[in-house]
PDB file of N, CA and C in Angstrom:
ATOM      1  N   UNK A   1     100.585  94.014 113.894  1.00  0.00           N
ATOM      2  CA  UNK A   1     101.396  94.995 114.593  1.00  0.00           C
ATOM      3  C   UNK A   1     102.566  94.287 115.267  1.00  0.00           C
ATOM      4  N   UNK A   2     103.744  94.801 115.085  1.00  0.00           N
ATOM      5  CA  UNK A   2     104.932  94.280 115.752  1.00  0.00           C
ATOM      6  C   UNK A   2     105.399  95.360 116.728  1.00  0.00           C
ATOM      7  N   UNK A   3     105.222  95.144 118.040  1.00  0.00           N
ATOM      8  CA  UNK A   3     105.596  96.163 119.019  1.00  0.00           C
ATOM      9  C   UNK A   3     107.044  96.629 118.836  1.00  0.00           C
ATOM     10  N   UNK A   4     107.222  97.933 118.811  1.00  0.00           N
ATOM     11  CA  UNK A   4     108.543  98.510 118.662  1.00  0.00           C
ATOM     12  C   UNK A   4     109.066  98.555 117.240  1.00  0.00           C
ATOM     13  N   UNK A   5     108.355  97.921 116.312  1.00  0.00           N
ATOM     14  CA  UNK A   5     108.816  97.893 114.913  1.00  0.00           C
ATOM     15  C   UNK A   5     107.867  98.622 113.980  1.00  0.00           C
ATOM     16  N   UNK A   6     106.579  98.272 114.047  1.00  0.00           N
ATOM     17  CA  UNK A   6     105.623  98.920 113.162  1.00  0.00           C
ATOM     18  C   UNK A   6     104.475  98.010 112.787  1.00  0.00           C
ATOM     19  N   UNK A   7     103.714  98.464 111.832  1.00  0.00           N
ATOM     20  CA  UNK A   7     102.522  97.771 111.357  1.00  0.00           C
ATOM     21  C   UNK A   7     102.839  97.096 110.032  1.00  0.00           C
ATOM     22  N   UNK A   8     102.429  95.832 109.876  1.00  0.00           N
ATOM     23  CA  UNK A   8     102.631  95.119 108.620  1.00  0.00           C
ATOM     24  C   UNK A   8     101.328  95.161 107.835  1.00  0.00           C
ATOM     25  N   UNK A   9     101.416  95.613 106.578  1.00  0.00           N
ATOM     26  CA  UNK A   9     100.260  95.660 105.695  1.00  0.00           C
ATOM     27  C   UNK A   9     100.264  94.416 104.815  1.00  0.00           C
ATOM     28  N   UNK A  10      99.151  93.668 104.862  1.00  0.00           N
ATOM     29  CA  UNK A  10      99.037  92.400 104.140  1.00  0.00           C
ATOM     30  C   UNK A  10      97.750  92.407 103.335  1.00  0.00           C
ATOM     31  N   UNK A  11      97.686  92.137 102.040  1.00  0.00           N
ATOM     32  CA  UNK A  11      98.881  92.017 101.206  1.00  0.00           C
ATOM     33  C   UNK A  11      99.519  93.381 101.010  1.00  0.00           C
ATOM     34  N   UNK A  12     100.762  93.361 100.652  1.00  0.00           N
ATOM     35  CA  UNK A  12     101.510  94.597 100.479  1.00  0.00           C
ATOM     36  C   UNK A  12     101.443  95.101  99.057  1.00  0.00           C
ATOM     37  N   UNK A  13     102.581  95.507  98.530  1.00  0.00           N
ATOM     38  CA  UNK A  13     102.655  96.055  97.183  1.00  0.00           C
ATOM     39  C   UNK A  13     103.031  94.980  96.187  1.00  0.00           C
ATOM     40  N   UNK A  14     102.368  94.989  95.070  1.00  0.00           N
ATOM     41  CA  UNK A  14     102.723  94.031  94.018  1.00  0.00           C
ATOM     42  C   UNK A  14     103.800  94.598  93.105  1.00  0.00           C
ATOM     43  N   UNK A  15     104.086  95.873  93.272  1.00  0.00           N
ATOM     44  CA  UNK A  15     105.092  96.544  92.460  1.00  0.00           C
ATOM     45  C   UNK A  15     106.479  96.127  92.942  1.00  0.00           C
ATOM     46  N   UNK A  16     107.182  95.390  92.133  1.00  0.00           N
ATOM     47  CA  UNK A  16     108.499  94.883  92.527  1.00  0.00           C
ATOM     48  C   UNK A  16     109.558  95.980  92.565  1.00  0.00           C
ATOM     49  N   UNK A  17     109.194  97.194  92.136  1.00  0.00           N
ATOM     50  CA  UNK A  17     110.144  98.301  92.169  1.00  0.00           C
ATOM     51  C   UNK A  17     110.159  98.993  93.528  1.00  0.00           C
ATOM     52  N   UNK A  18     109.255  98.620  94.408  1.00  0.00           N
ATOM     53  CA  UNK A  18     109.187  99.239  95.738  1.00  0.00           C
ATOM     54  C   UNK A  18     110.409  98.842  96.561  1.00  0.00           C
ATOM     55  N   UNK A  19     110.919  99.804  97.319  1.00  0.00           N
ATOM     56  CA  UNK A  19     112.095  99.579  98.143  1.00  0.00           C
ATOM     57  C   UNK A  19     111.889 100.158  99.539  1.00  0.00           C
ATOM     58  N   UNK A  20     112.702  99.735 100.460  1.00  0.00           N
ATOM     59  CA  UNK A  20     112.697 100.311 101.798  1.00  0.00           C
ATOM     60  C   UNK A  20     113.004 101.803 101.669  1.00  0.00           C
ATOM     61  N   UNK A  21     112.319 102.606 102.467  1.00  0.00           N
ATOM     62  CA  UNK A  21     112.398 104.073 102.492  1.00  0.00           C
ATOM     63  C   UNK A  21     111.607 104.758 101.394  1.00  0.00           C
ATOM     64  N   UNK A  22     110.946 103.998 100.509  1.00  0.00           N
ATOM     65  CA  UNK A  22     110.056 104.606  99.523  1.00  0.00           C
ATOM     66  C   UNK A  22     108.834 105.162 100.229  1.00  0.00           C
ATOM     67  N   UNK A  23     108.291 106.236  99.707  1.00  0.00           N
ATOM     68  CA  UNK A  23     107.084 106.852 100.243  1.00  0.00           C
ATOM     69  C   UNK A  23     105.862 106.173  99.632  1.00  0.00           C
ATOM     70  N   UNK A  24     104.836 105.942 100.475  1.00  0.00           N
ATOM     71  CA  UNK A  24     103.585 105.363  99.998  1.00  0.00           C
ATOM     72  C   UNK A  24     102.419 106.209 100.506  1.00  0.00           C
ATOM     73  N   UNK A  25     101.291 106.058  99.830  1.00  0.00           N
ATOM     74  CA  UNK A  25     100.047 106.679 100.275  1.00  0.00           C
ATOM     75  C   UNK A  25      99.063 105.567 100.570  1.00  0.00           C
ATOM     76  N   UNK A  26      98.431 105.636 101.730  1.00  0.00           N
ATOM     77  CA  UNK A  26      97.386 104.684 102.104  1.00  0.00           C
ATOM     78  C   UNK A  26      96.053 105.405 101.931  1.00  0.00           C
ATOM     79  N   UNK A  27      95.182 104.854 101.072  1.00  0.00           N
ATOM     80  CA  UNK A  27      93.864 105.434 100.830  1.00  0.00           C
ATOM     81  C   UNK A  27      92.840 104.534 101.504  1.00  0.00           C
ATOM     82  N   UNK A  28      92.144 105.088 102.481  1.00  0.00           N
ATOM     83  CA  UNK A  28      91.143 104.332 103.237  1.00  0.00           C
ATOM     84  C   UNK A  28      89.838 104.224 102.448  1.00  0.00           C
ATOM     85  N   UNK A  29      88.987 103.249 102.814  1.00  0.00           N
ATOM     86  CA  UNK A  29      87.706 103.077 102.116  1.00  0.00           C
ATOM     87  C   UNK A  29      86.829 104.336 102.132  1.00  0.00           C
ATOM     88  N   UNK A  30      86.983 105.198 103.150  1.00  0.00           N
ATOM     89  CA  UNK A  30      86.165 106.419 103.204  1.00  0.00           C
ATOM     90  C   UNK A  30      86.721 107.538 102.326  1.00  0.00           C
ATOM     91  N   UNK A  31      87.840 107.269 101.629  1.00  0.00           N
ATOM     92  CA  UNK A  31      88.434 108.241 100.724  1.00  0.00           C
ATOM     93  C   UNK A  31      89.530 109.088 101.347  1.00  0.00           C
ATOM     94  N   UNK A  32      89.672 109.057 102.666  1.00  0.00           N
ATOM     95  CA  UNK A  32      90.760 109.806 103.308  1.00  0.00           C
ATOM     96  C   UNK A  32      92.079 109.085 103.039  1.00  0.00           C
ATOM     97  N   UNK A  33      93.175 109.809 103.154  1.00  0.00           N
ATOM     98  CA  UNK A  33      94.471 109.193 102.871  1.00  0.00           C
ATOM     99  C   UNK A  33      95.531 109.702 103.834  1.00  0.00           C
ATOM    100  N   UNK A  34      96.636 108.980 103.878  1.00  0.00           N
ATOM    101  CA  UNK A  34      97.787 109.377 104.676  1.00  0.00           C
ATOM    102  C   UNK A  34      99.048 108.893 103.984  1.00  0.00           C
ATOM    103  N   UNK A  35     100.120 109.602 104.214  1.00  0.00           N
ATOM    104  CA  UNK A  35     101.410 109.231 103.641  1.00  0.00           C
ATOM    105  C   UNK A  35     102.289 108.642 104.736  1.00  0.00           C
ATOM    106  N   UNK A  36     103.097 107.662 104.347  1.00  0.00           N
ATOM    107  CA  UNK A  36     104.042 107.051 105.273  1.00  0.00           C
ATOM    108  C   UNK A  36     105.217 106.507 104.464  1.00  0.00           C
ATOM    109  N   UNK A  37     106.100 105.800 105.114  1.00  0.00           N
ATOM    110  CA  UNK A  37     107.316 105.289 104.487  1.00  0.00           C
ATOM    111  C   UNK A  37     107.431 103.789 104.700  1.00  0.00           C
ATOM    112  N   UNK A  38     107.922 103.082 103.693  1.00  0.00           N
ATOM    113  CA  UNK A  38     108.170 101.645 103.815  1.00  0.00           C
ATOM    114  C   UNK A  38     109.401 101.441 104.701  1.00  0.00           C
ATOM    115  N   UNK A  39     109.243 100.669 105.766  1.00  0.00           N
ATOM    116  CA  UNK A  39     110.347 100.384 106.687  1.00  0.00           C
ATOM    117  C   UNK A  39     110.924  98.983 106.477  1.00  0.00           C
ATOM    118  N   UNK A  40     110.164  98.123 105.780  1.00  0.00           N
ATOM    119  CA  UNK A  40     110.621  96.767 105.509  1.00  0.00           C
ATOM    120  C   UNK A  40     109.705  96.105 104.504  1.00  0.00           C
ATOM    121  N   UNK A  41     110.217  95.110 103.780  1.00  0.00           N
ATOM    122  CA  UNK A  41     109.450  94.369 102.774  1.00  0.00           C
ATOM    123  C   UNK A  41     109.752  92.891 102.939  1.00  0.00           C
ATOM    124  N   UNK A  42     108.700  92.053 102.968  1.00  0.00           N
ATOM    125  CA  UNK A  42     108.930  90.613 103.052  1.00  0.00           C
ATOM    126  C   UNK A  42     109.289  90.079 101.660  1.00  0.00           C
ATOM    127  N   UNK A  43     109.857  88.909 101.639  1.00  0.00           N
ATOM    128  CA  UNK A  43     110.267  88.316 100.370  1.00  0.00           C
ATOM    129  C   UNK A  43     109.263  87.300  99.851  1.00  0.00           C
ATOM    130  N   UNK A  44     108.056  87.263 100.464  1.00  0.00           N
ATOM    131  CA  UNK A  44     107.049  86.331  99.962  1.00  0.00           C
ATOM    132  C   UNK A  44     106.358  86.930  98.743  1.00  0.00           C
ATOM    133  N   UNK A  45     105.455  86.196  98.134  1.00  0.00           N
ATOM    134  CA  UNK A  45     104.798  86.667  96.910  1.00  0.00           C
ATOM    135  C   UNK A  45     103.939  87.901  97.135  1.00  0.00           C
ATOM    136  N   UNK A  46     103.397  88.065  98.337  1.00  0.00           N
ATOM    137  CA  UNK A  46     102.555  89.227  98.627  1.00  0.00           C
ATOM    138  C   UNK A  46     103.338  90.516  98.767  1.00  0.00           C
ATOM    139  N   UNK A  47     104.638  90.413  99.042  1.00  0.00           N
ATOM    140  CA  UNK A  47     105.488  91.579  99.301  1.00  0.00           C
ATOM    141  C   UNK A  47     104.862  92.451 100.380  1.00  0.00           C
ATOM    142  N   UNK A  48     104.506  91.806 101.506  1.00  0.00           N
ATOM    143  CA  UNK A  48     103.955  92.521 102.654  1.00  0.00           C
ATOM    144  C   UNK A  48     104.945  93.597 103.084  1.00  0.00           C
ATOM    145  N   UNK A  49     104.415  94.719 103.573  1.00  0.00           N
ATOM    146  CA  UNK A  49     105.304  95.814 103.922  1.00  0.00           C
ATOM    147  C   UNK A  49     105.133  96.242 105.380  1.00  0.00           C
ATOM    148  N   UNK A  50     106.235  96.650 105.963  1.00  0.00           N
ATOM    149  CA  UNK A  50     106.268  97.184 107.313  1.00  0.00           C
ATOM    150  C   UNK A  50     106.293  98.703 107.185  1.00  0.00           C
ATOM    151  N   UNK A  51     105.383  99.375 107.928  1.00  0.00           N
ATOM    152  CA  UNK A  51     105.332 100.837 107.908  1.00  0.00           C
ATOM    153  C   UNK A  51     105.614 101.383 109.303  1.00  0.00           C
ATOM    154  N   UNK A  52     105.627 102.696 109.417  1.00  0.00           N
ATOM    155  CA  UNK A  52     105.965 103.369 110.672  1.00  0.00           C
ATOM    156  C   UNK A  52     105.237 102.807 111.885  1.00  0.00           C
ATOM    157  N   UNK A  53     105.927 102.826 113.011  1.00  0.00           N
ATOM    158  CA  UNK A  53     105.367 102.303 114.258  1.00  0.00           C
ATOM    159  C   UNK A  53     104.296 103.216 114.846  1.00  0.00           C
ATOM    160  N   UNK A  54     104.141 104.437 114.307  1.00  0.00           N
ATOM    161  CA  UNK A  54     103.108 105.332 114.823  1.00  0.00           C
ATOM    162  C   UNK A  54     101.720 104.999 114.255  1.00  0.00           C
ATOM    163  N   UNK A  55     101.622 104.064 113.308  1.00  0.00           N
ATOM    164  CA  UNK A  55     100.333 103.643 112.759  1.00  0.00           C
ATOM    165  C   UNK A  55      99.811 102.430 113.509  1.00  0.00           C
ATOM    166  N   UNK A  56      98.489 102.332 113.623  1.00  0.00           N
ATOM    167  CA  UNK A  56      97.843 101.186 114.260  1.00  0.00           C
ATOM    168  C   UNK A  56      96.918 100.513 113.265  1.00  0.00           C
ATOM    169  N   UNK A  57      96.404  99.345 113.642  1.00  0.00           N
ATOM    170  CA  UNK A  57      95.441  98.649 112.786  1.00  0.00           C
ATOM    171  C   UNK A  57      94.248  99.537 112.472  1.00  0.00           C
ATOM    172  N   UNK A  58      93.817 100.320 113.460  1.00  0.00           N
ATOM    173  CA  UNK A  58      92.675 101.198 113.272  1.00  0.00           C
ATOM    174  C   UNK A  58      92.912 102.288 112.237  1.00  0.00           C
ATOM    175  N   UNK A  59      94.181 102.643 112.008  1.00  0.00           N
ATOM    176  CA  UNK A  59      94.515 103.660 111.013  1.00  0.00           C
ATOM    177  C   UNK A  59      94.388 103.144 109.585  1.00  0.00           C
ATOM    178  N   UNK A  60      94.445 101.813 109.440  1.00  0.00           N
ATOM    179  CA  UNK A  60      94.432 101.208 108.104  1.00  0.00           C
ATOM    180  C   UNK A  60      93.351 100.126 108.074  1.00  0.00           C
ATOM    181  N   UNK A  61      92.071 100.522 107.923  1.00  0.00           N
ATOM    182  CA  UNK A  61      90.998  99.531 107.944  1.00  0.00           C
ATOM    183  C   UNK A  61      91.039  98.602 106.730  1.00  0.00           C
ATOM    184  N   UNK A  62      90.419  97.447 106.871  1.00  0.00           N
ATOM    185  CA  UNK A  62      90.320  96.504 105.757  1.00  0.00           C
ATOM    186  C   UNK A  62      89.688  97.218 104.575  1.00  0.00           C
ATOM    187  N   UNK A  63      90.234  97.009 103.404  1.00  0.00           N
ATOM    188  CA  UNK A  63      89.745  97.661 102.191  1.00  0.00           C
ATOM    189  C   UNK A  63      90.578  98.867 101.791  1.00  0.00           C
ATOM    190  N   UNK A  64      91.551  99.226 102.620  1.00  0.00           N
ATOM    191  CA  UNK A  64      92.436 100.342 102.271  1.00  0.00           C
ATOM    192  C   UNK A  64      93.332  99.933 101.107  1.00  0.00           C
ATOM    193  N   UNK A  65      93.731 100.927 100.311  1.00  0.00           N
ATOM    194  CA  UNK A  65      94.639 100.692  99.180  1.00  0.00           C
ATOM    195  C   UNK A  65      95.988 101.307  99.498  1.00  0.00           C
ATOM    196  N   UNK A  66      97.041 100.668  99.025  1.00  0.00           N
ATOM    197  CA  UNK A  66      98.400 101.172  99.218  1.00  0.00           C
ATOM    198  C   UNK A  66      98.965 101.530  97.855  1.00  0.00           C
ATOM    199  N   UNK A  67      99.397 102.786  97.721  1.00  0.00           N
ATOM    200  CA  UNK A  67      99.930 103.272  96.460  1.00  0.00           C
ATOM    201  C   UNK A  67     101.363 103.726  96.663  1.00  0.00           C
ATOM    202  N   UNK A  68     102.229 103.316  95.750  1.00  0.00           N
ATOM    203  CA  UNK A  68     103.616 103.747  95.768  1.00  0.00           C
ATOM    204  C   UNK A  68     103.687 105.142  95.146  1.00  0.00           C
ATOM    205  N   UNK A  69     104.251 106.104  95.881  1.00  0.00           N
ATOM    206  CA  UNK A  69     104.362 107.467  95.366  1.00  0.00           C
ATOM    207  C   UNK A  69     105.468 107.523  94.312  1.00  0.00           C
ATOM    208  N   UNK A  70     105.204 108.232  93.212  1.00  0.00           N
ATOM    209  CA  UNK A  70     106.236 108.325  92.158  1.00  0.00           C
ATOM    210  C   UNK A  70     107.417 109.160  92.588  1.00  0.00           C
TER     211      UNK A  70
END
């Protein structure tokens, strides 16, 4: 979590077509899901992504999947 900026998801998306402002769906291990927007992407191999600041670590438990919306 970066205060005032948002939550970083690690690892991020492996899809190199993902861009800032693209919509994503986060699917939690319990099967529930939520939609959000990519606010930033790192340039490392993981392509970690920054999402909305209204999300917390508790909203995205370990084992969650990140899907790029078509």
